[in-house]
Amino acid sequence: MHMPTHRSTRGSAAAGFTLIELLAVMLIIAILTTALLTTGVLKAFTAAEETQTQATLNELSVSLGNLERDLGSFPSGDWRKFRSFANAHATRLRGLDGKQLDGGSEVNAGSEILYLLFESLGKSPGIDEKFLQDTDGDGYREYCDAWGNPLVYLCTLTDDAGQKTKLRSAEGDGFEEHYVRAVTKVDDDRRSRGSWQLLSAGANEIFGDDDDLQIFGKE
């Protein structure tokens, strides 16, 4: 009868450990590959969303320029001040009625005002329906970014304190209210030439950092 030797036993153990190590390496490679691919896909999605949001901002910018040429001034992003603006241009803004001018809440006011104003003039910018929502449920639609959050509109000639807006929570469950202040020329040199601002909080939903997407009007 042939009896196994200690040497052959040690060889089998060594071969077994080599197989385990190989499987471990393959698993690590698979995890790293998945992580890299996921990161690449997320970056691609973010880039696409930024492009879509910038396109919306550009469309609104063109419409605001046309509005200023038609009416001679820009609307306030505050409902109370907007009523004064609408009354001053009552002969041109016949599409607005008194009930509409009651306005919604102070949340998302600027974006709601732009939508209402362009609709009443029959000069709505060419923005896809998916970027039009009523995120705060007050009956007034807002222009939104690609992440489903309302854009912020501020008229820097009349709106001193900025406004409130609602952003999705990190878990995507409901909305949280945020206060957005106007960008000053200390923050950005372009502000010194601005007569209005349009802002998106970007993918991270935080205002005031490098992730923001924004566009400024010119006096």
Protein backbone atom coordinates (compact mmCIF):
# COMPACT_ATOMS: atom_id res chain seq x y z
CA MET A 1 0.00 0.00 0.00
CA HIS A 2 1.28 3.48 -0.90
CA MET A 3 1.28 5.88 2.02
CA PRO A 4 1.19 9.65 1.39
CA THR A 5 4.28 11.47 2.55
CA HIS A 6 4.49 14.70 4.48
CA ARG A 7 6.00 16.31 1.39
CA SER A 8 2.99 15.63 -0.81
CA THR A 9 0.68 16.96 1.90
CA ARG A 10 2.61 20.20 2.09
CA GLY A 11 2.48 20.49 -1.71
CA SER A 12 -1.30 20.14 -1.71
CA ALA A 13 -1.66 22.78 0.98
CA ALA A 14 0.56 25.16 -0.97
CA ALA A 15 -1.50 24.61 -4.11
CA GLY A 16 -4.69 25.23 -2.13
CA PHE A 17 -3.47 28.54 -0.76
CA THR A 18 -2.40 29.61 -4.24
CA LEU A 19 -5.94 29.02 -5.56
CA ILE A 20 -7.47 31.04 -2.70
CA GLU A 21 -5.05 33.87 -3.32
CA LEU A 22 -5.88 33.84 -7.02
CA LEU A 23 -9.59 34.04 -6.27
CA ALA A 24 -8.96 36.91 -3.85
CA VAL A 25 -7.00 38.84 -6.47
CA MET A 26 -9.74 38.26 -9.04
CA LEU A 27 -12.34 39.54 -6.57
CA ILE A 28 -10.32 42.67 -5.84
CA ILE A 29 -9.91 43.36 -9.56
CA ALA A 30 -13.64 42.92 -10.08
CA ILE A 31 -14.44 45.35 -7.25
CA LEU A 32 -12.00 47.97 -8.55
CA THR A 33 -13.30 47.62 -12.10
CA THR A 34 -16.89 48.04 -10.93
CA ALA A 35 -15.93 51.11 -8.88
CA LEU A 36 -14.15 52.72 -11.82
CA LEU A 37 -16.99 52.01 -14.19
CA THR A 38 -19.56 53.33 -11.71
CA THR A 39 -17.56 56.51 -11.17
CA GLY A 40 -17.27 56.99 -14.91
CA VAL A 41 -20.99 56.49 -15.45
CA LEU A 42 -21.86 58.91 -12.63
CA LYS A 43 -19.52 61.53 -14.06
CA ALA A 44 -21.09 61.10 -17.49
CA PHE A 45 -24.59 61.51 -16.03
CA THR A 46 -23.53 64.59 -14.07
CA ALA A 47 -21.93 66.14 -17.14
CA ALA A 48 -25.12 65.54 -19.14
CA GLU A 49 -27.28 67.05 -16.38
CA GLU A 50 -25.02 70.09 -16.18
CA THR A 51 -25.30 70.56 -19.94
CA GLN A 52 -29.10 70.32 -19.79
CA THR A 53 -29.28 72.80 -16.92
CA GLN A 54 -26.96 75.25 -18.63
CA ALA A 55 -29.13 75.05 -21.74
CA THR A 56 -32.19 75.95 -19.63
CA LEU A 57 -30.32 78.90 -18.09
CA ASN A 58 -29.29 80.09 -21.55
CA GLU A 59 -32.86 79.88 -22.85
CA LEU A 60 -34.11 81.95 -19.92
CA SER A 61 -31.29 84.44 -20.42
CA VAL A 62 -32.35 85.05 -24.03
CA SER A 63 -35.99 85.45 -22.97
CA LEU A 64 -35.03 87.92 -20.26
CA GLY A 65 -33.09 89.95 -22.79
CA ASN A 66 -36.12 90.05 -25.08
CA LEU A 67 -38.34 90.98 -22.13
CA GLU A 68 -36.12 93.91 -21.21
CA ARG A 69 -36.23 95.18 -24.80
CA ASP A 70 -40.05 94.92 -24.80
CA LEU A 71 -40.76 96.40 -21.37
CA GLY A 72 -37.64 98.40 -20.59
CA SER A 73 -36.89 96.67 -17.28
CA PHE A 74 -36.60 93.32 -15.56
CA PRO A 75 -39.17 91.83 -13.17
CA SER A 76 -38.53 91.43 -9.48
CA GLY A 77 -38.15 87.96 -8.02
CA ASP A 78 -40.37 88.98 -5.10
CA TRP A 79 -44.16 88.66 -5.39
CA ARG A 80 -44.92 91.97 -3.67
CA LYS A 81 -42.53 93.92 -5.87
CA PHE A 82 -43.64 92.00 -8.95
CA ARG A 83 -47.21 93.24 -8.47
CA SER A 84 -45.90 96.80 -8.76
CA PHE A 85 -43.99 95.80 -11.90
CA ALA A 86 -47.10 94.19 -13.42
CA ASN A 87 -49.24 97.24 -12.64
CA ALA A 88 -46.67 99.52 -14.24
CA HIS A 89 -46.86 97.44 -17.43
CA ALA A 90 -50.57 96.61 -17.25
CA THR A 91 -51.24 97.58 -20.87
CA ARG A 92 -48.68 95.03 -22.07
CA LEU A 93 -49.38 92.30 -19.52
CA ARG A 94 -53.04 91.76 -20.27
CA GLY A 95 -52.60 88.02 -19.91
CA LEU A 96 -52.19 88.41 -16.16
CA ASP A 97 -55.25 88.68 -13.94
CA GLY A 98 -55.53 89.87 -10.38
CA LYS A 99 -55.85 86.40 -8.93
CA GLN A 100 -52.61 85.28 -10.55
CA LEU A 101 -50.86 88.32 -9.14
CA ASP A 102 -51.79 87.18 -5.64
CA GLY A 103 -48.81 84.92 -6.13
CA GLY A 104 -47.72 81.76 -4.41
CA SER A 105 -45.57 81.43 -1.33
CA GLU A 106 -42.24 83.21 -0.99
CA VAL A 107 -40.58 79.88 -1.75
CA ASN A 108 -39.36 79.69 -5.37
CA ALA A 109 -40.97 83.07 -6.08
CA GLY A 110 -38.48 84.25 -8.70
CA SER A 111 -38.70 81.15 -10.86
CA GLU A 112 -42.50 81.13 -10.56
CA ILE A 113 -42.69 84.78 -11.57
CA LEU A 114 -40.61 84.20 -14.70
CA TYR A 115 -42.80 81.29 -15.77
CA LEU A 116 -46.01 83.26 -15.19
CA LEU A 117 -44.67 86.33 -16.96
CA PHE A 118 -43.43 84.55 -20.07
CA GLU A 119 -46.67 82.56 -20.30
CA SER A 120 -48.79 85.70 -20.08
CA LEU A 121 -46.81 87.32 -22.89
CA GLY A 122 -47.01 84.21 -25.03
CA LYS A 123 -43.22 84.20 -25.23
CA SER A 124 -42.29 81.12 -23.26
CA PRO A 125 -38.71 79.95 -23.84
CA GLY A 126 -38.25 76.61 -25.56
CA ILE A 127 -37.78 74.54 -22.40
CA ASP A 128 -38.80 70.90 -22.15
CA GLU A 129 -41.84 70.14 -19.98
CA LYS A 130 -39.76 67.94 -17.69
CA PHE A 131 -37.99 71.07 -16.45
CA LEU A 132 -41.30 72.70 -15.42
CA GLN A 133 -42.65 71.68 -12.02
CA ASP A 134 -44.59 72.93 -9.03
CA THR A 135 -42.22 71.65 -6.36
CA ASP A 136 -43.78 73.52 -3.43
CA GLY A 137 -47.39 72.75 -4.40
CA ASP A 138 -48.63 76.34 -4.38
CA GLY A 139 -50.19 76.15 -7.85
CA TYR A 140 -47.41 78.03 -9.64
CA ARG A 141 -44.94 76.22 -11.86
CA GLU A 142 -41.20 76.82 -11.70
CA TYR A 143 -38.30 76.38 -14.06
CA CYS A 144 -36.15 73.58 -12.65
CA ASP A 145 -32.69 72.18 -13.20
CA ALA A 146 -31.89 68.65 -14.38
CA TRP A 147 -31.90 67.41 -10.76
CA GLY A 148 -35.54 68.41 -10.30
CA ASN A 149 -34.82 71.46 -8.13
CA PRO A 150 -36.18 74.95 -8.89
CA LEU A 151 -33.87 77.52 -10.39
CA VAL A 152 -33.41 80.74 -8.45
CA TYR A 153 -34.11 84.06 -10.17
CA LEU A 154 -33.07 87.31 -8.52
CA CYS A 155 -33.35 90.80 -9.94
CA THR A 156 -30.25 92.46 -8.51
CA LEU A 157 -31.75 95.90 -9.07
CA THR A 158 -34.70 95.30 -6.75
CA ASP A 159 -34.26 92.08 -4.74
CA ASP A 160 -32.03 92.81 -1.77
CA ALA A 161 -32.32 89.71 0.38
CA GLY A 162 -32.63 86.91 -2.13
CA GLN A 163 -35.30 84.27 -1.70
CA LYS A 164 -36.16 80.81 -0.48
CA THR A 165 -36.13 77.72 -2.63
CA LYS A 166 -36.87 74.04 -2.08
CA LEU A 167 -34.27 71.37 -2.79
CA ARG A 168 -34.60 67.61 -2.63
CA SER A 169 -33.17 66.02 0.47
CA ALA A 170 -30.08 63.85 0.14
CA GLU A 171 -32.27 60.75 0.26
CA GLY A 172 -34.51 62.14 -2.47
CA ASP A 173 -37.50 61.95 -0.11
CA GLY A 174 -39.40 65.24 -0.21
CA PHE A 175 -37.93 68.74 -0.27
CA GLU A 176 -36.05 70.90 2.19
CA GLU A 177 -36.30 74.68 2.24
CA HIS A 178 -33.14 76.69 1.68
CA TYR A 179 -32.45 80.40 1.73
CA VAL A 180 -30.43 81.76 -1.19
CA ARG A 181 -28.76 85.13 -0.94
CA ALA A 182 -27.79 87.25 -3.91
CA VAL A 183 -24.26 86.85 -5.22
CA THR A 184 -22.39 90.11 -4.63
CA LYS A 185 -19.51 91.57 -6.61
CA VAL A 186 -17.28 90.53 -3.71
CA ASP A 187 -18.21 86.92 -4.48
CA ASP A 188 -18.01 87.29 -8.24
CA ASP A 189 -16.72 90.16 -10.36
CA ARG A 190 -19.48 89.60 -12.90
CA ARG A 191 -22.02 90.73 -10.29
CA SER A 192 -20.95 94.35 -10.74
CA ARG A 193 -22.37 94.18 -14.28
CA GLY A 194 -25.43 92.18 -13.35
CA SER A 195 -29.05 93.23 -13.43
CA TRP A 196 -30.34 89.74 -12.71
CA GLN A 197 -29.07 86.33 -11.65
CA LEU A 198 -30.18 82.79 -12.45
CA LEU A 199 -28.75 80.05 -10.28
CA SER A 200 -28.84 76.27 -9.89
CA ALA A 201 -27.37 74.59 -6.83
CA GLY A 202 -25.93 71.90 -9.08
CA ALA A 203 -25.64 68.19 -8.45
CA ASN A 204 -24.73 68.50 -4.76
CA GLU A 205 -27.73 70.80 -4.07
CA ILE A 206 -25.63 73.27 -2.08
CA PHE A 207 -25.59 76.96 -3.00
CA GLY A 208 -22.44 79.04 -2.81
CA ASP A 209 -19.80 76.51 -3.90
CA ASP A 210 -17.98 75.65 -7.12
CA ASP A 211 -20.72 73.20 -8.08
CA ASP A 212 -23.24 75.99 -8.72
CA LEU A 213 -24.40 76.79 -12.24
CA GLN A 214 -25.24 80.43 -12.73
CA ILE A 215 -25.68 83.11 -15.34
CA PHE A 216 -25.77 86.88 -14.95
CA GLY A 217 -27.55 89.58 -16.90
CA LYS A 218 -25.90 92.78 -18.01
CA GLU A 219 -26.98 96.33 -17.42
